Amino acid sequence: MAAPAQIQIRYIQEEDRILMRMNTVAEEEFRFWLTRRFLTRLWPVLQEALMSSPSVKQHSDYNSRQAIMAFEHERAQSKAAFNHPFRESDHLPLGNDPLLVVKAGFKHQDKGALKLALKDNADKGIELTLTNDLLHLLCKLLDDAAQQSEWKMTALLPSIHEMQTPVAAHQLN
């Protein structure tokens, strides 16, 4: 599959689902439905993937890892162009209707990248290779849509402002 060029993620109240649309540099468009149940299962995997970037993993204490992850998240957002309109494509390899994602596969790649497979019940879907920056942007868009949905899901990402409040250290002997 070609590299993602744009991703649009928004909550559709009438469906009570999240619609994820992605177009590629090859001008293909892929559409997916994400349910609350699926997203609840995806959340911990995305959090673990964010915490496994090389710059985050090099720190041993949890607070430092969280702070570095929040910094990477802010840096990725500063490079993104959220104000560009989504470019629709007539080339829809998976069809006009969004695929209902029920399965996901994950594999860590070099330098913090993550290979993410999104599949329906018939194993129809795609595989994406997400750089660390793209992973952060995908997480931000998913987090925003989940918060808009009122599904009462915890935030996927800590903000830098949350990280400024010191957390008491805990130690087990």
Protein backbone atom coordinates (compact mmCIF):
# COMPACT_ATOMS: atom_id res chain seq x y z
CA MET A 1 0.00 0.00 0.00
CA ALA A 2 1.12 3.53 -0.69
CA ALA A 3 2.05 5.90 2.09
CA PRO A 4 -0.73 7.84 3.84
CA ALA A 5 -1.00 11.43 2.64
CA GLN A 6 -4.00 12.58 4.70
CA ILE A 7 -6.12 11.15 7.48
CA GLN A 8 -9.52 12.43 8.53
CA ILE A 9 -11.16 11.06 11.66
CA ARG A 10 -14.51 12.23 12.99
CA TYR A 11 -17.30 10.99 15.17
CA ILE A 12 -20.61 10.39 13.34
CA GLN A 13 -23.36 10.73 15.93
CA GLU A 14 -26.09 9.02 13.84
CA GLU A 15 -23.92 5.91 13.52
CA ASP A 16 -22.39 6.20 17.00
CA ARG A 17 -19.12 5.29 15.34
CA ILE A 18 -15.94 6.97 14.27
CA LEU A 19 -15.32 7.34 10.55
CA MET A 20 -11.67 7.19 9.54
CA ARG A 21 -10.83 8.23 6.00
CA MET A 22 -7.35 8.06 4.61
CA ASN A 23 -5.97 9.00 1.24
CA THR A 24 -2.58 8.07 -0.07
CA VAL A 25 0.10 9.66 -2.21
CA ALA A 26 -1.14 7.28 -4.94
CA GLU A 27 -4.53 9.07 -4.72
CA GLU A 28 -6.42 6.11 -3.26
CA GLU A 29 -8.97 6.56 -0.49
CA PHE A 30 -9.70 4.07 2.27
CA ARG A 31 -12.68 4.33 4.65
CA PHE A 32 -13.19 2.60 7.99
CA TRP A 33 -15.77 2.48 10.76
CA LEU A 34 -14.33 2.25 14.27
CA THR A 35 -16.64 1.27 17.12
CA ARG A 36 -16.31 2.07 20.80
CA ARG A 37 -15.60 -1.59 21.52
CA PHE A 38 -12.81 -1.71 18.95
CA LEU A 39 -11.31 1.59 20.09
CA THR A 40 -11.35 0.44 23.73
CA ARG A 41 -9.20 -2.53 22.70
CA LEU A 42 -6.97 -0.40 20.47
CA TRP A 43 -6.23 2.24 23.15
CA PRO A 44 -3.68 0.24 25.23
CA VAL A 45 -1.84 -0.91 22.11
CA LEU A 46 -1.51 2.66 20.85
CA GLN A 47 -0.33 3.84 24.27
CA GLU A 48 2.28 1.08 24.37
CA ALA A 49 3.41 1.94 20.83
CA LEU A 50 3.84 5.60 21.79
CA MET A 51 5.89 4.60 24.83
CA SER A 52 8.13 2.34 22.73
CA SER A 53 9.78 5.04 20.62
CA PRO A 54 13.58 4.91 21.03
CA SER A 55 13.82 8.34 22.69
CA VAL A 56 11.11 7.42 25.21
CA LYS A 57 12.49 3.93 25.95
CA GLN A 58 15.94 5.25 26.83
CA HIS A 59 14.56 6.75 30.07
CA SER A 60 14.06 4.44 33.00
CA ASP A 61 11.52 6.31 35.12
CA TYR A 62 7.86 6.58 34.16
CA ASN A 63 7.54 10.36 34.59
CA SER A 64 10.46 11.03 32.24
CA ARG A 65 9.04 8.65 29.63
CA GLN A 66 5.64 10.37 29.86
CA ALA A 67 7.25 13.81 29.51
CA ILE A 68 9.30 12.77 26.44
CA MET A 69 6.21 11.18 24.87
CA ALA A 70 4.21 14.38 25.46
CA PHE A 71 7.04 16.42 23.93
CA GLU A 72 7.12 14.13 20.86
CA HIS A 73 3.36 14.49 20.57
CA GLU A 74 3.52 18.30 20.63
CA ARG A 75 6.39 18.27 18.10
CA ALA A 76 4.45 16.02 15.69
CA GLN A 77 1.38 18.26 15.95
CA SER A 78 3.43 21.37 15.23
CA LYS A 79 4.52 19.84 11.89
CA ALA A 80 1.00 18.78 10.84
CA ALA A 81 -1.32 20.70 8.52
CA PHE A 82 -4.69 20.20 10.23
CA ASN A 83 -6.29 23.07 8.32
CA HIS A 84 -6.01 21.52 4.84
CA PRO A 85 -9.32 20.17 3.55
CA PHE A 86 -9.52 16.43 3.00
CA ARG A 87 -8.99 15.54 -0.67
CA GLU A 88 -11.57 12.99 -1.75
CA SER A 89 -10.65 10.38 -4.33
CA ASP A 90 -12.73 8.39 -6.79
CA HIS A 91 -10.30 5.48 -6.48
CA LEU A 92 -11.66 3.41 -3.57
CA PRO A 93 -9.84 0.02 -3.52
CA LEU A 94 -11.97 -1.29 -0.62
CA GLY A 95 -15.25 0.05 -2.01
CA ASN A 96 -17.52 3.03 -1.35
CA ASP A 97 -18.81 1.85 2.02
CA PRO A 98 -16.46 2.08 5.01
CA LEU A 99 -15.10 -1.24 6.31
CA LEU A 100 -16.21 -2.12 9.83
CA VAL A 101 -12.88 -2.78 11.55
CA VAL A 102 -13.01 -5.69 13.97
CA LYS A 103 -9.36 -6.82 13.94
CA ALA A 104 -6.05 -5.08 14.16
CA GLY A 105 -2.54 -6.43 13.89
CA PHE A 106 0.57 -4.71 15.18
CA LYS A 107 4.26 -5.11 14.62
CA HIS A 108 6.99 -2.79 15.84
CA GLN A 109 9.39 -1.63 13.15
CA ASP A 110 12.79 0.03 13.36
CA LYS A 111 13.15 3.54 14.76
CA GLY A 112 9.80 3.54 16.56
CA ALA A 113 7.61 2.89 13.52
CA LEU A 114 4.55 0.68 13.87
CA LYS A 115 2.97 -1.56 11.26
CA LEU A 116 -0.78 -1.48 11.80
CA ALA A 117 -3.20 -3.79 9.99
CA LEU A 118 -6.90 -2.90 10.02
CA LYS A 119 -9.26 -5.73 8.96
CA ASP A 120 -12.94 -6.60 8.85
CA ASN A 121 -14.43 -10.06 9.58
CA ALA A 122 -13.48 -11.28 6.10
CA ASP A 123 -9.84 -10.15 6.57
CA LYS A 124 -10.38 -7.38 4.06
CA GLY A 125 -8.39 -4.27 4.92
CA ILE A 126 -5.01 -2.59 4.74
CA GLU A 127 -1.61 -2.47 6.38
CA LEU A 128 -0.14 0.88 7.33
CA THR A 129 3.39 1.67 8.37
CA LEU A 130 3.20 4.58 10.77
CA THR A 131 6.27 6.63 11.57
CA ASN A 132 6.46 7.93 15.12
CA ASP A 133 5.14 11.34 14.00
CA LEU A 134 2.28 9.79 12.03
CA LEU A 135 1.44 7.54 14.98
CA HIS A 136 1.18 10.62 17.22
CA LEU A 137 -1.07 12.39 14.72
CA LEU A 138 -3.32 9.35 14.30
CA CYS A 139 -3.60 9.12 18.09
CA LYS A 140 -4.48 12.80 18.38
CA LEU A 141 -7.23 12.49 15.77
CA LEU A 142 -8.61 9.32 17.39
CA ASP A 143 -8.46 10.90 20.83
CA ASP A 144 -10.29 14.04 19.64
CA ALA A 145 -13.04 11.97 18.00
CA ALA A 146 -13.40 9.72 21.05
CA GLN A 147 -13.72 12.71 23.36
CA GLN A 148 -16.33 14.24 21.02
CA SER A 149 -18.29 10.96 21.07
CA GLU A 150 -18.98 11.20 24.80
CA TRP A 151 -18.04 7.53 25.16
CA LYS A 152 -16.34 8.45 28.45
CA MET A 153 -13.01 7.03 27.37
CA THR A 154 -9.91 8.21 29.15
CA ALA A 155 -7.70 10.51 27.12
CA LEU A 156 -5.25 8.58 25.00
CA LEU A 157 -2.44 11.07 25.42
CA PRO A 158 -1.28 13.17 28.32
CA SER A 159 -0.85 16.81 27.45
CA ILE A 160 2.31 18.67 28.31
CA HIS A 161 0.26 20.78 30.73
CA GLU A 162 -0.76 17.66 32.64
CA MET A 163 2.89 16.62 32.80
CA GLN A 164 3.89 19.87 34.53
CA THR A 165 2.13 18.80 37.72
CA PRO A 166 4.62 16.72 39.69
CA VAL A 167 3.54 13.20 40.45
CA ALA A 168 4.59 11.64 43.76
CA ALA A 169 7.25 9.00 43.29
CA HIS A 170 6.44 5.46 44.29
CA GLN A 171 9.01 2.85 45.08
CA LEU A 172 8.67 -0.80 45.85
CA ASN A 173 11.44 -2.51 47.75
